Amino acid sequence: MPHYAPDAASVITSARDRGALTHLVAPVTSKAGALDEIGSALDCPSWYGRNLDALYDCLTDLSWLPDGEHVLVWAGHRLLATADPVSYRDVLQVLDDAVAAGPGRPLLVVLTDA
């Protein structure tokens, strides 16, 4: 399951202090917005199809990114939970499944309120 922290700034600072690469996902209110923001944050390759299957494939690969730990920080995640609870659960499930699968590069997902 993704981790939780109150604010993105402290997560980003902590991750960078230990040498991890951080990827910030802005608040969104739609599934399409979440897929676009996560794809942009991770600089997903052109084959990224902006659907849940493609998101899983990208999260479990990350080969286009530098070696090392990657921390995906989703700020304001609750906006999607409020706007579209079903899509929120679907995206969280993919994030959880991808992290559990053990991606090619270490990946930590952190949900923050701000």
PDB file of N, CA and C in Angstrom:
ATOM      1  N   MET A   1       0.842  -1.186   0.000  1.00  0.00           N
ATOM      2  CA  MET A   1       0.000   0.000   0.000  1.00  0.00           C
ATOM      3  C   MET A   1       0.883   1.243   0.000  1.00  0.00           C
ATOM      4  N   PRO A   2       0.463   2.280  -0.694  1.00  0.00           N
ATOM      5  CA  PRO A   2       1.245   3.519  -0.656  1.00  0.00           C
ATOM      6  C   PRO A   2       1.365   4.053   0.766  1.00  0.00           C
ATOM      7  N   HIS A   3       2.427   4.760   1.019  1.00  0.00           N
ATOM      8  CA  HIS A   3       2.646   5.389   2.313  1.00  0.00           C
ATOM      9  C   HIS A   3       1.887   6.706   2.352  1.00  0.00           C
ATOM     10  N   TYR A   4       1.735   7.252   3.555  1.00  0.00           N
ATOM     11  CA  TYR A   4       1.057   8.526   3.717  1.00  0.00           C
ATOM     12  C   TYR A   4       1.940   9.479   4.503  1.00  0.00           C
ATOM     13  N   ALA A   5       1.912  10.754   4.137  1.00  0.00           N
ATOM     14  CA  ALA A   5       2.594  11.815   4.882  1.00  0.00           C
ATOM     15  C   ALA A   5       1.739  13.075   4.741  1.00  0.00           C
ATOM     16  N   PRO A   6       1.761  13.941   5.746  1.00  0.00           N
ATOM     17  CA  PRO A   6       0.925  15.143   5.683  1.00  0.00           C
ATOM     18  C   PRO A   6       1.292  16.110   4.554  1.00  0.00           C
ATOM     19  N   ASP A   7       2.600  16.277   4.294  1.00  0.00           N
ATOM     20  CA  ASP A   7       2.957  17.262   3.268  1.00  0.00           C
ATOM     21  C   ASP A   7       4.073  16.752   2.365  1.00  0.00           C
ATOM     22  N   ALA A   8       3.987  17.170   1.106  1.00  0.00           N
ATOM     23  CA  ALA A   8       4.931  16.722   0.085  1.00  0.00           C
ATOM     24  C   ALA A   8       6.340  17.256   0.320  1.00  0.00           C
ATOM     25  N   ALA A   9       6.441  18.476   0.800  1.00  0.00           N
ATOM     26  CA  ALA A   9       7.763  19.099   0.948  1.00  0.00           C
ATOM     27  C   ALA A   9       8.675  18.288   1.863  1.00  0.00           C
ATOM     28  N   SER A  10       8.151  17.806   2.974  1.00  0.00           N
ATOM     29  CA  SER A  10       8.998  17.029   3.890  1.00  0.00           C
ATOM     30  C   SER A  10       9.387  15.686   3.287  1.00  0.00           C
ATOM     31  N   VAL A  11       8.493  15.083   2.535  1.00  0.00           N
ATOM     32  CA  VAL A  11       8.798  13.801   1.875  1.00  0.00           C
ATOM     33  C   VAL A  11       9.891  14.006   0.832  1.00  0.00           C
ATOM     34  N   ILE A  12       9.752  15.058   0.041  1.00  0.00           N
ATOM     35  CA  ILE A  12      10.736  15.341  -1.009  1.00  0.00           C
ATOM     36  C   ILE A  12      12.102  15.638  -0.397  1.00  0.00           C
ATOM     37  N   THR A  13      12.128  16.435   0.652  1.00  0.00           N
ATOM     38  CA  THR A  13      13.397  16.753   1.320  1.00  0.00           C
ATOM     39  C   THR A  13      14.048  15.497   1.872  1.00  0.00           C
ATOM     40  N   SER A  14      13.286  14.676   2.549  1.00  0.00           N
ATOM     41  CA  SER A  14      13.817  13.434   3.126  1.00  0.00           C
ATOM     42  C   SER A  14      14.339  12.496   2.040  1.00  0.00           C
ATOM     43  N   ALA A  15      13.589  12.367   0.958  1.00  0.00           N
ATOM     44  CA  ALA A  15      14.000  11.481  -0.140  1.00  0.00           C
ATOM     45  C   ALA A  15      15.290  11.979  -0.782  1.00  0.00           C
ATOM     46  N   ARG A  16      15.358  13.266  -1.037  1.00  0.00           N
ATOM     47  CA  ARG A  16      16.561  13.830  -1.663  1.00  0.00           C
ATOM     48  C   ARG A  16      17.764  13.727  -0.739  1.00  0.00           C
ATOM     49  N   ASP A  17      17.544  13.888   0.566  1.00  0.00           N
ATOM     50  CA  ASP A  17      18.644  13.759   1.534  1.00  0.00           C
ATOM     51  C   ASP A  17      19.265  12.367   1.503  1.00  0.00           C
ATOM     52  N   ARG A  18      18.480  11.362   1.183  1.00  0.00           N
ATOM     53  CA  ARG A  18      19.026   9.998   1.124  1.00  0.00           C
ATOM     54  C   ARG A  18      19.422   9.594  -0.294  1.00  0.00           C
ATOM     55  N   GLY A  19      19.343  10.547  -1.241  1.00  0.00           N
ATOM     56  CA  GLY A  19      19.804  10.302  -2.605  1.00  0.00           C
ATOM     57  C   GLY A  19      18.751   9.773  -3.557  1.00  0.00           C
ATOM     58  N   ALA A  20      17.495   9.740  -3.133  1.00  0.00           N
ATOM     59  CA  ALA A  20      16.426   9.260  -4.002  1.00  0.00           C
ATOM     60  C   ALA A  20      16.005  10.349  -4.987  1.00  0.00           C
ATOM     61  N   LEU A  21      15.481   9.913  -6.103  1.00  0.00           N
ATOM     62  CA  LEU A  21      14.932  10.827  -7.107  1.00  0.00           C
ATOM     63  C   LEU A  21      13.436  10.971  -6.849  1.00  0.00           C
ATOM     64  N   THR A  22      12.944  12.196  -6.841  1.00  0.00           N
ATOM     65  CA  THR A  22      11.541  12.425  -6.515  1.00  0.00           C
ATOM     66  C   THR A  22      10.754  12.837  -7.757  1.00  0.00           C
ATOM     67  N   HIS A  23       9.488  12.451  -7.750  1.00  0.00           N
ATOM     68  CA  HIS A  23       8.573  12.733  -8.852  1.00  0.00           C
ATOM     69  C   HIS A  23       7.261  13.195  -8.232  1.00  0.00           C
ATOM     70  N   LEU A  24       6.906  14.448  -8.447  1.00  0.00           N
ATOM     71  CA  LEU A  24       5.733  15.051  -7.819  1.00  0.00           C
ATOM     72  C   LEU A  24       4.527  15.002  -8.745  1.00  0.00           C
ATOM     73  N   VAL A  25       3.436  14.450  -8.232  1.00  0.00           N
ATOM     74  CA  VAL A  25       2.166  14.390  -8.949  1.00  0.00           C
ATOM     75  C   VAL A  25       1.256  15.459  -8.355  1.00  0.00           C
ATOM     76  N   ALA A  26       0.774  16.356  -9.199  1.00  0.00           N
ATOM     77  CA  ALA A  26      -0.100  17.441  -8.756  1.00  0.00           C
ATOM     78  C   ALA A  26      -1.505  16.912  -8.447  1.00  0.00           C
ATOM     79  N   PRO A  27      -2.270  17.651  -7.661  1.00  0.00           N
ATOM     80  CA  PRO A  27      -3.657  17.258  -7.377  1.00  0.00           C
ATOM     81  C   PRO A  27      -4.483  17.201  -8.668  1.00  0.00           C
ATOM     82  N   VAL A  28      -5.372  16.212  -8.737  1.00  0.00           N
ATOM     83  CA  VAL A  28      -6.240  16.039  -9.905  1.00  0.00           C
ATOM     84  C   VAL A  28      -7.641  15.646  -9.443  1.00  0.00           C
ATOM     85  N   THR A  29      -8.611  15.800 -10.335  1.00  0.00           N
ATOM     86  CA  THR A  29      -9.989  15.445  -9.986  1.00  0.00           C
ATOM     87  C   THR A  29     -10.594  14.416 -10.934  1.00  0.00           C
ATOM     88  N   SER A  30      -9.764  13.822 -11.797  1.00  0.00           N
ATOM     89  CA  SER A  30     -10.275  12.808 -12.723  1.00  0.00           C
ATOM     90  C   SER A  30      -9.237  11.707 -12.919  1.00  0.00           C
ATOM     91  N   LYS A  31      -9.719  10.561 -13.342  1.00  0.00           N
ATOM     92  CA  LYS A  31      -8.826   9.442 -13.649  1.00  0.00           C
ATOM     93  C   LYS A  31      -7.862   9.829 -14.766  1.00  0.00           C
ATOM     94  N   ALA A  32      -8.377  10.472 -15.812  1.00  0.00           N
ATOM     95  CA  ALA A  32      -7.520  10.901 -16.923  1.00  0.00           C
ATOM     96  C   ALA A  32      -6.452  11.859 -16.420  1.00  0.00           C
ATOM     97  N   GLY A  33      -6.841  12.761 -15.536  1.00  0.00           N
ATOM     98  CA  GLY A  33      -5.879  13.696 -14.961  1.00  0.00           C
ATOM     99  C   GLY A  33      -4.811  12.979 -14.165  1.00  0.00           C
ATOM    100  N   ALA A  34      -5.210  11.972 -13.384  1.00  0.00           N
ATOM    101  CA  ALA A  34      -4.241  11.205 -12.596  1.00  0.00           C
ATOM    102  C   ALA A  34      -3.262  10.474 -13.506  1.00  0.00           C
ATOM    103  N   LEU A  35      -3.783   9.838 -14.541  1.00  0.00           N
ATOM    104  CA  LEU A  35      -2.915   9.116 -15.472  1.00  0.00           C
ATOM    105  C   LEU A  35      -1.954  10.063 -16.179  1.00  0.00           C
ATOM    106  N   ASP A  36      -2.443  11.228 -16.575  1.00  0.00           N
ATOM    107  CA  ASP A  36      -1.579  12.223 -17.226  1.00  0.00           C
ATOM    108  C   ASP A  36      -0.512  12.747 -16.263  1.00  0.00           C
ATOM    109  N   GLU A  37      -0.916  13.094 -15.054  1.00  0.00           N
ATOM    110  CA  GLU A  37       0.024  13.659 -14.076  1.00  0.00           C
ATOM    111  C   GLU A  37       1.096  12.650 -13.664  1.00  0.00           C
ATOM    112  N   ILE A  38       0.698  11.416 -13.430  1.00  0.00           N
ATOM    113  CA  ILE A  38       1.680  10.392 -13.056  1.00  0.00           C
ATOM    114  C   ILE A  38       2.626  10.144 -14.228  1.00  0.00           C
ATOM    115  N   GLY A  39       2.073  10.050 -15.423  1.00  0.00           N
ATOM    116  CA  GLY A  39       2.906   9.867 -16.612  1.00  0.00           C
ATOM    117  C   GLY A  39       3.899  11.001 -16.801  1.00  0.00           C
ATOM    118  N   SER A  40       3.447  12.224 -16.589  1.00  0.00           N
ATOM    119  CA  SER A  40       4.334  13.382 -16.712  1.00  0.00           C
ATOM    120  C   SER A  40       5.384  13.396 -15.610  1.00  0.00           C
ATOM    121  N   ALA A  41       4.965  13.112 -14.391  1.00  0.00           N
ATOM    122  CA  ALA A  41       5.893  13.131 -13.259  1.00  0.00           C
ATOM    123  C   ALA A  41       7.037  12.136 -13.463  1.00  0.00           C
ATOM    124  N   LEU A  42       6.708  10.999 -14.054  1.00  0.00           N
ATOM    125  CA  LEU A  42       7.718   9.958 -14.286  1.00  0.00           C
ATOM    126  C   LEU A  42       8.350  10.052 -15.672  1.00  0.00           C
ATOM    127  N   ASP A  43       7.953  11.049 -16.446  1.00  0.00           N
ATOM    128  CA  ASP A  43       8.466  11.210 -17.799  1.00  0.00           C
ATOM    129  C   ASP A  43       8.341   9.898 -18.578  1.00  0.00           C
ATOM    130  N   CYS A  44       7.147   9.299 -18.500  1.00  0.00           N
ATOM    131  CA  CYS A  44       6.911   8.006 -19.153  1.00  0.00           C
ATOM    132  C   CYS A  44       7.174   8.100 -20.655  1.00  0.00           C
ATOM    133  N   PRO A  45       7.651   7.011 -21.236  1.00  0.00           N
ATOM    134  CA  PRO A  45       7.968   7.008 -22.667  1.00  0.00           C
ATOM    135  C   PRO A  45       6.726   7.168 -23.542  1.00  0.00           C
ATOM    136  N   SER A  46       6.954   7.373 -24.823  1.00  0.00           N
ATOM    137  CA  SER A  46       5.866   7.634 -25.765  1.00  0.00           C
ATOM    138  C   SER A  46       4.872   6.472 -25.850  1.00  0.00           C
ATOM    139  N   TRP A  47       5.278   5.260 -25.506  1.00  0.00           N
ATOM    140  CA  TRP A  47       4.354   4.132 -25.583  1.00  0.00           C
ATOM    141  C   TRP A  47       3.356   4.097 -24.421  1.00  0.00           C
ATOM    142  N   TYR A  48       3.527   4.989 -23.447  1.00  0.00           N
ATOM    143  CA  TYR A  48       2.608   5.042 -22.319  1.00  0.00           C
ATOM    144  C   TYR A  48       1.207   5.384 -22.821  1.00  0.00           C
ATOM    145  N   GLY A  49       0.275   4.466 -22.663  1.00  0.00           N
ATOM    146  CA  GLY A  49      -1.058   4.607 -23.234  1.00  0.00           C
ATOM    147  C   GLY A  49      -2.068   5.335 -22.377  1.00  0.00           C
ATOM    148  N   ARG A  50      -1.663   5.880 -21.260  1.00  0.00           N
ATOM    149  CA  ARG A  50      -2.555   6.634 -20.375  1.00  0.00           C
ATOM    150  C   ARG A  50      -3.815   5.848 -20.010  1.00  0.00           C
ATOM    151  N   ASN A  51      -3.593   4.597 -19.631  1.00  0.00           N
ATOM    152  CA  ASN A  51      -4.651   3.762 -19.076  1.00  0.00           C
ATOM    153  C   ASN A  51      -4.034   2.980 -17.921  1.00  0.00           C
ATOM    154  N   LEU A  52      -4.842   2.284 -17.157  1.00  0.00           N
ATOM    155  CA  LEU A  52      -4.340   1.624 -15.952  1.00  0.00           C
ATOM    156  C   LEU A  52      -3.333   0.520 -16.261  1.00  0.00           C
ATOM    157  N   ASP A  53      -3.549  -0.228 -17.335  1.00  0.00           N
ATOM    158  CA  ASP A  53      -2.588  -1.277 -17.708  1.00  0.00           C
ATOM    159  C   ASP A  53      -1.239  -0.671 -18.078  1.00  0.00           C
ATOM    160  N   ALA A  54      -1.265   0.405 -18.845  1.00  0.00           N
ATOM    161  CA  ALA A  54      -0.015   1.065 -19.242  1.00  0.00           C
ATOM    162  C   ALA A  54       0.676   1.684 -18.031  1.00  0.00           C
ATOM    163  N   LEU A  55      -0.105   2.213 -17.094  1.00  0.00           N
ATOM    164  CA  LEU A  55       0.480   2.762 -15.870  1.00  0.00           C
ATOM    165  C   LEU A  55       1.220   1.666 -15.117  1.00  0.00           C
ATOM    166  N   TYR A  56       0.598   0.521 -14.966  1.00  0.00           N
ATOM    167  CA  TYR A  56       1.243  -0.609 -14.287  1.00  0.00           C
ATOM    168  C   TYR A  56       2.538  -0.989 -15.002  1.00  0.00           C
ATOM    169  N   ASP A  57       2.477  -1.093 -16.322  1.00  0.00           N
ATOM    170  CA  ASP A  57       3.666  -1.459 -17.094  1.00  0.00           C
ATOM    171  C   ASP A  57       4.800  -0.461 -16.871  1.00  0.00           C
ATOM    172  N   CYS A  58       4.481   0.818 -16.876  1.00  0.00           N
ATOM    173  CA  CYS A  58       5.510   1.841 -16.657  1.00  0.00           C
ATOM    174  C   CYS A  58       6.083   1.752 -15.244  1.00  0.00           C
ATOM    175  N   LEU A  59       5.206   1.630 -14.258  1.00  0.00           N
ATOM    176  CA  LEU A  59       5.660   1.597 -12.864  1.00  0.00           C
ATOM    177  C   LEU A  59       6.533   0.384 -12.555  1.00  0.00           C
ATOM    178  N   THR A  60       6.314  -0.703 -13.247  1.00  0.00           N
ATOM    179  CA  THR A  60       7.119  -1.897 -12.992  1.00  0.00           C
ATOM    180  C   THR A  60       8.354  -1.983 -13.886  1.00  0.00           C
ATOM    181  N   ASP A  61       8.571  -0.967 -14.708  1.00  0.00           N
ATOM    182  CA  ASP A  61       9.727  -0.928 -15.600  1.00  0.00           C
ATOM    183  C   ASP A  61      10.696   0.165 -15.153  1.00  0.00           C
ATOM    184  N   LEU A  62      10.348   1.408 -15.392  1.00  0.00           N
ATOM    185  CA  LEU A  62      11.162   2.577 -15.035  1.00  0.00           C
ATOM    186  C   LEU A  62      12.567   2.559 -15.648  1.00  0.00           C
ATOM    187  N   SER A  63      12.788   1.761 -16.687  1.00  0.00           N
ATOM    188  CA  SER A  63      14.128   1.629 -17.274  1.00  0.00           C
ATOM    189  C   SER A  63      14.627   2.910 -17.934  1.00  0.00           C
ATOM    190  N   TRP A  64      13.757   3.820 -18.292  1.00  0.00           N
ATOM    191  CA  TRP A  64      14.158   5.079 -18.920  1.00  0.00           C
ATOM    192  C   TRP A  64      14.650   6.099 -17.890  1.00  0.00           C
ATOM    193  N   LEU A  65      14.447   5.785 -16.617  1.00  0.00           N
ATOM    194  CA  LEU A  65      14.886   6.685 -15.547  1.00  0.00           C
ATOM    195  C   LEU A  65      16.255   6.264 -15.026  1.00  0.00           C
ATOM    196  N   PRO A  66      16.969   7.180 -14.399  1.00  0.00           N
ATOM    197  CA  PRO A  66      18.279   6.828 -13.841  1.00  0.00           C
ATOM    198  C   PRO A  66      18.166   5.738 -12.769  1.00  0.00           C
ATOM    199  N   ASP A  67      19.260   5.017 -12.577  1.00  0.00           N
ATOM    200  CA  ASP A  67      19.310   4.021 -11.511  1.00  0.00           C
ATOM    201  C   ASP A  67      19.091   4.700 -10.167  1.00  0.00           C
ATOM    202  N   GLY A  68      18.623   3.924  -9.215  1.00  0.00           N
ATOM    203  CA  GLY A  68      18.436   4.431  -7.869  1.00  0.00           C
ATOM    204  C   GLY A  68      16.980   4.364  -7.452  1.00  0.00           C
ATOM    205  N   GLU A  69      16.747   4.782  -6.224  1.00  0.00           N
ATOM    206  CA  GLU A  69      15.391   4.793  -5.671  1.00  0.00           C
ATOM    207  C   GLU A  69      14.599   5.957  -6.257  1.00  0.00           C
ATOM    208  N   HIS A  70      13.341   5.682  -6.559  1.00  0.00           N
ATOM    209  CA  HIS A  70      12.426   6.702  -7.072  1.00  0.00           C
ATOM    210  C   HIS A  70      11.256   6.827  -6.102  1.00  0.00           C
ATOM    211  N   VAL A  71      10.920   8.065  -5.772  1.00  0.00           N
ATOM    212  CA  VAL A  71       9.814   8.327  -4.859  1.00  0.00           C
ATOM    213  C   VAL A  71       8.758   9.130  -5.623  1.00  0.00           C
ATOM    214  N   LEU A  72       7.593   8.522  -5.776  1.00  0.00           N
ATOM    215  CA  LEU A  72       6.460   9.173  -6.429  1.00  0.00           C
ATOM    216  C   LEU A  72       5.592   9.778  -5.334  1.00  0.00           C
ATOM    217  N   VAL A  73       5.499  11.097  -5.329  1.00  0.00           N
ATOM    218  CA  VAL A  73       4.754  11.823  -4.302  1.00  0.00           C
ATOM    219  C   VAL A  73       3.498  12.400  -4.936  1.00  0.00           C
ATOM    220  N   TRP A  74       2.338  11.924  -4.485  1.00  0.00           N
ATOM    221  CA  TRP A  74       1.066  12.402  -5.018  1.00  0.00           C
ATOM    222  C   TRP A  74       0.470  13.390  -4.021  1.00  0.00           C
ATOM    223  N   ALA A  75       0.659  14.669  -4.313  1.00  0.00           N
ATOM    224  CA  ALA A  75       0.149  15.735  -3.447  1.00  0.00           C
ATOM    225  C   ALA A  75      -1.346  15.945  -3.697  1.00  0.00           C
ATOM    226  N   GLY A  76      -2.089  16.139  -2.634  1.00  0.00           N
ATOM    227  CA  GLY A  76      -3.514  16.398  -2.785  1.00  0.00           C
ATOM    228  C   GLY A  76      -4.302  15.232  -3.343  1.00  0.00           C
ATOM    229  N   HIS A  77      -3.877  14.033  -3.025  1.00  0.00           N
ATOM    230  CA  HIS A  77      -4.503  12.818  -3.573  1.00  0.00           C
ATOM    231  C   HIS A  77      -5.988  12.721  -3.242  1.00  0.00           C
ATOM    232  N   ARG A  78      -6.388  13.313  -2.131  1.00  0.00           N
ATOM    233  CA  ARG A  78      -7.789  13.192  -1.698  1.00  0.00           C
ATOM    234  C   ARG A  78      -8.774  13.925  -2.623  1.00  0.00           C
ATOM    235  N   LEU A  79      -8.270  14.833  -3.446  1.00  0.00           N
ATOM    236  CA  LEU A  79      -9.173  15.508  -4.391  1.00  0.00           C
ATOM    237  C   LEU A  79      -9.807  14.500  -5.344  1.00  0.00           C
ATOM    238  N   LEU A  80      -9.018  13.555  -5.831  1.00  0.00           N
ATOM    239  CA  LEU A  80      -9.578  12.522  -6.702  1.00  0.00           C
ATOM    240  C   LEU A  80     -10.489  11.594  -5.911  1.00  0.00           C
ATOM    241  N   ALA A  81     -10.127  11.291  -4.682  1.00  0.00           N
ATOM    242  CA  ALA A  81     -10.971  10.427  -3.847  1.00  0.00           C
ATOM    243  C   ALA A  81     -12.356  11.029  -3.664  1.00  0.00           C
ATOM    244  N   THR A  82     -12.412  12.337  -3.538  1.00  0.00           N
ATOM    245  CA  THR A  82     -13.691  13.029  -3.369  1.00  0.00           C
ATOM    246  C   THR A  82     -14.440  13.133  -4.694  1.00  0.00           C
ATOM    247  N   ALA A  83     -13.738  13.486  -5.745  1.00  0.00           N
ATOM    248  CA  ALA A  83     -14.376  13.712  -7.046  1.00  0.00           C
ATOM    249  C   ALA A  83     -14.816  12.417  -7.731  1.00  0.00           C
ATOM    250  N   ASP A  84     -14.029  11.369  -7.588  1.00  0.00           N
ATOM    251  CA  ASP A  84     -14.310  10.111  -8.298  1.00  0.00           C
ATOM    252  C   ASP A  84     -13.737   8.949  -7.489  1.00  0.00           C
ATOM    253  N   PRO A  85     -14.468   8.524  -6.447  1.00  0.00           N
ATOM    254  CA  PRO A  85     -13.951   7.475  -5.553  1.00  0.00           C
ATOM    255  C   PRO A  85     -13.571   6.167  -6.254  1.00  0.00           C
ATOM    256  N   VAL A  86     -14.315   5.777  -7.263  1.00  0.00           N
ATOM    257  CA  VAL A  86     -14.024   4.518  -7.967  1.00  0.00           C
ATOM    258  C   VAL A  86     -12.689   4.627  -8.700  1.00  0.00           C
ATOM    259  N   SER A  87     -12.494   5.693  -9.429  1.00  0.00           N
ATOM    260  CA  SER A  87     -11.226   5.874 -10.141  1.00  0.00           C
ATOM    261  C   SER A  87     -10.064   5.989  -9.171  1.00  0.00           C
ATOM    262  N   TYR A  88     -10.287   6.680  -8.066  1.00  0.00           N
ATOM    263  CA  TYR A  88      -9.249   6.803  -7.036  1.00  0.00           C
ATOM    264  C   TYR A  88      -8.814   5.423  -6.557  1.00  0.00           C
ATOM    265  N   ARG A  89      -9.780   4.574  -6.212  1.00  0.00           N
ATOM    266  CA  ARG A  89      -9.446   3.204  -5.763  1.00  0.00           C
ATOM    267  C   ARG A  89      -8.726   2.426  -6.855  1.00  0.00           C
ATOM    268  N   ASP A  90      -9.145   2.598  -8.103  1.00  0.00           N
ATOM    269  CA  ASP A  90      -8.504   1.891  -9.217  1.00  0.00           C
ATOM    270  C   ASP A  90      -7.038   2.319  -9.369  1.00  0.00           C
ATOM    271  N   VAL A  91      -6.794   3.620  -9.327  1.00  0.00           N
ATOM    272  CA  VAL A  91      -5.417   4.116  -9.460  1.00  0.00           C
ATOM    273  C   VAL A  91      -4.581   3.654  -8.274  1.00  0.00           C
ATOM    274  N   LEU A  92      -5.121   3.744  -7.062  1.00  0.00           N
ATOM    275  CA  LEU A  92      -4.383   3.269  -5.883  1.00  0.00           C
ATOM    276  C   LEU A  92      -4.053   1.787  -5.989  1.00  0.00           C
ATOM    277  N   GLN A  93      -4.985   1.008  -6.507  1.00  0.00           N
ATOM    278  CA  GLN A  93      -4.748  -0.425  -6.657  1.00  0.00           C
ATOM    279  C   GLN A  93      -3.579  -0.688  -7.608  1.00  0.00           C
ATOM    280  N   VAL A  94      -3.527   0.043  -8.706  1.00  0.00           N
ATOM    281  CA  VAL A  94      -2.421  -0.116  -9.649  1.00  0.00           C
ATOM    282  C   VAL A  94      -1.107   0.298  -9.001  1.00  0.00           C
ATOM    283  N   LEU A  95      -1.100   1.410  -8.278  1.00  0.00           N
ATOM    284  CA  LEU A  95       0.120   1.836  -7.579  1.00  0.00           C
ATOM    285  C   LEU A  95       0.566   0.759  -6.594  1.00  0.00           C
ATOM    286  N   ASP A  96      -0.367   0.230  -5.833  1.00  0.00           N
ATOM    287  CA  ASP A  96      -0.058  -0.810  -4.855  1.00  0.00           C
ATOM    288  C   ASP A  96       0.464  -2.078  -5.538  1.00  0.00           C
ATOM    289  N   ASP A  97      -0.218  -2.520  -6.580  1.00  0.00           N
ATOM    290  CA  ASP A  97       0.198  -3.735  -7.296  1.00  0.00           C
ATOM    291  C   ASP A  97       1.584  -3.571  -7.906  1.00  0.00           C
ATOM    292  N   ALA A  98       1.857  -2.410  -8.464  1.00  0.00           N
ATOM    293  CA  ALA A  98       3.150  -2.177  -9.104  1.00  0.00           C
ATOM    294  C   ALA A  98       4.282  -2.191  -8.082  1.00  0.00           C
ATOM    295  N   VAL A  99       4.076  -1.547  -6.951  1.00  0.00           N
ATOM    296  CA  VAL A  99       5.108  -1.544  -5.909  1.00  0.00           C
ATOM    297  C   VAL A  99       5.315  -2.961  -5.378  1.00  0.00           C
ATOM    298  N   ALA A 100       4.229  -3.704  -5.186  1.00  0.00           N
ATOM    299  CA  ALA A 100       4.324  -5.083  -4.685  1.00  0.00           C
ATOM    300  C   ALA A 100       5.037  -5.997  -5.677  1.00  0.00           C
ATOM    301  N   ALA A 101       4.916  -5.696  -6.963  1.00  0.00           N
ATOM    302  CA  ALA A 101       5.544  -6.524  -7.995  1.00  0.00           C
ATOM    303  C   ALA A 101       7.061  -6.376  -8.002  1.00  0.00           C
ATOM    304  N   GLY A 102       7.553  -5.346  -7.337  1.00  0.00           N
ATOM    305  CA  GLY A 102       8.996  -5.150  -7.312  1.00  0.00           C
ATOM    306  C   GLY A 102       9.515  -4.646  -8.636  1.00  0.00           C
ATOM    307  N   PRO A 103       9.299  -3.361  -8.905  1.00  0.00           N
ATOM    308  CA  PRO A 103       9.745  -2.806 -10.183  1.00  0.00           C
ATOM    309  C   PRO A 103      11.243  -2.951 -10.383  1.00  0.00           C
ATOM    310  N   GLY A 104      11.667  -2.742 -11.609  1.00  0.00           N
ATOM    311  CA  GLY A 104      13.080  -2.836 -11.950  1.00  0.00           C
ATOM    312  C   GLY A 104      13.940  -1.879 -11.153  1.00  0.00           C
ATOM    313  N   ARG A 105      13.394  -0.741 -10.809  1.00  0.00           N
ATOM    314  CA  ARG A 105      14.081   0.234  -9.968  1.00  0.00           C
ATOM    315  C   ARG A 105      13.247   0.411  -8.703  1.00  0.00           C
ATOM    316  N   PRO A 106      13.896   0.606  -7.565  1.00  0.00           N
ATOM    317  CA  PRO A 106      13.130   0.768  -6.317  1.00  0.00           C
ATOM    318  C   PRO A 106      12.142   1.933  -6.435  1.00  0.00           C
ATOM    319  N   LEU A 107      10.893   1.686  -6.043  1.00  0.00           N
ATOM    320  CA  LEU A 107       9.849   2.685  -6.130  1.00  0.00           C
ATOM    321  C   LEU A 107       9.092   2.759  -4.811  1.00  0.00           C
ATOM    322  N   LEU A 108       8.960   3.966  -4.313  1.00  0.00           N
ATOM    323  CA  LEU A 108       8.154   4.244  -3.116  1.00  0.00           C
ATOM    324  C   LEU A 108       7.073   5.218  -3.542  1.00  0.00           C
ATOM    325  N   VAL A 109       5.833   4.944  -3.176  1.00  0.00           N
ATOM    326  CA  VAL A 109       4.716   5.837  -3.471  1.00  0.00           C
ATOM    327  C   VAL A 109       4.245   6.442  -2.153  1.00  0.00           C
ATOM    328  N   VAL A 110       4.155   7.769  -2.125  1.00  0.00           N
ATOM    329  CA  VAL A 110       3.715   8.468  -0.921  1.00  0.00           C
ATOM    330  C   VAL A 110       2.568   9.392  -1.284  1.00  0.00           C
ATOM    331  N   LEU A 111       1.471   9.270  -0.553  1.00  0.00           N
ATOM    332  CA  LEU A 111       0.300  10.130  -0.718  1.00  0.00           C
ATOM    333  C   LEU A 111       0.382  11.233   0.321  1.00  0.00           C
ATOM    334  N   THR A 112       0.176  12.479  -0.118  1.00  0.00           N
ATOM    335  CA  THR A 112       0.217  13.599   0.824  1.00  0.00           C
ATOM    336  C   THR A 112      -1.032  14.465   0.638  1.00  0.00           C
ATOM    337  N   ASP A 113      -1.344  15.226   1.684  1.00  0.00           N
ATOM    338  CA  ASP A 113      -2.497  16.121   1.616  1.00  0.00           C
ATOM    339  C   ASP A 113      -2.124  17.448   0.952  1.00  0.00           C
ATOM    340  N   ALA A 114      -0.903  17.859   1.105  1.00  0.00           N
ATOM    341  CA  ALA A 114      -0.476  19.145   0.539  1.00  0.00           C
ATOM    342  C   ALA A 114       0.901  19.025  -0.058  1.00  0.00           C
TER     343      ALA A 114
END
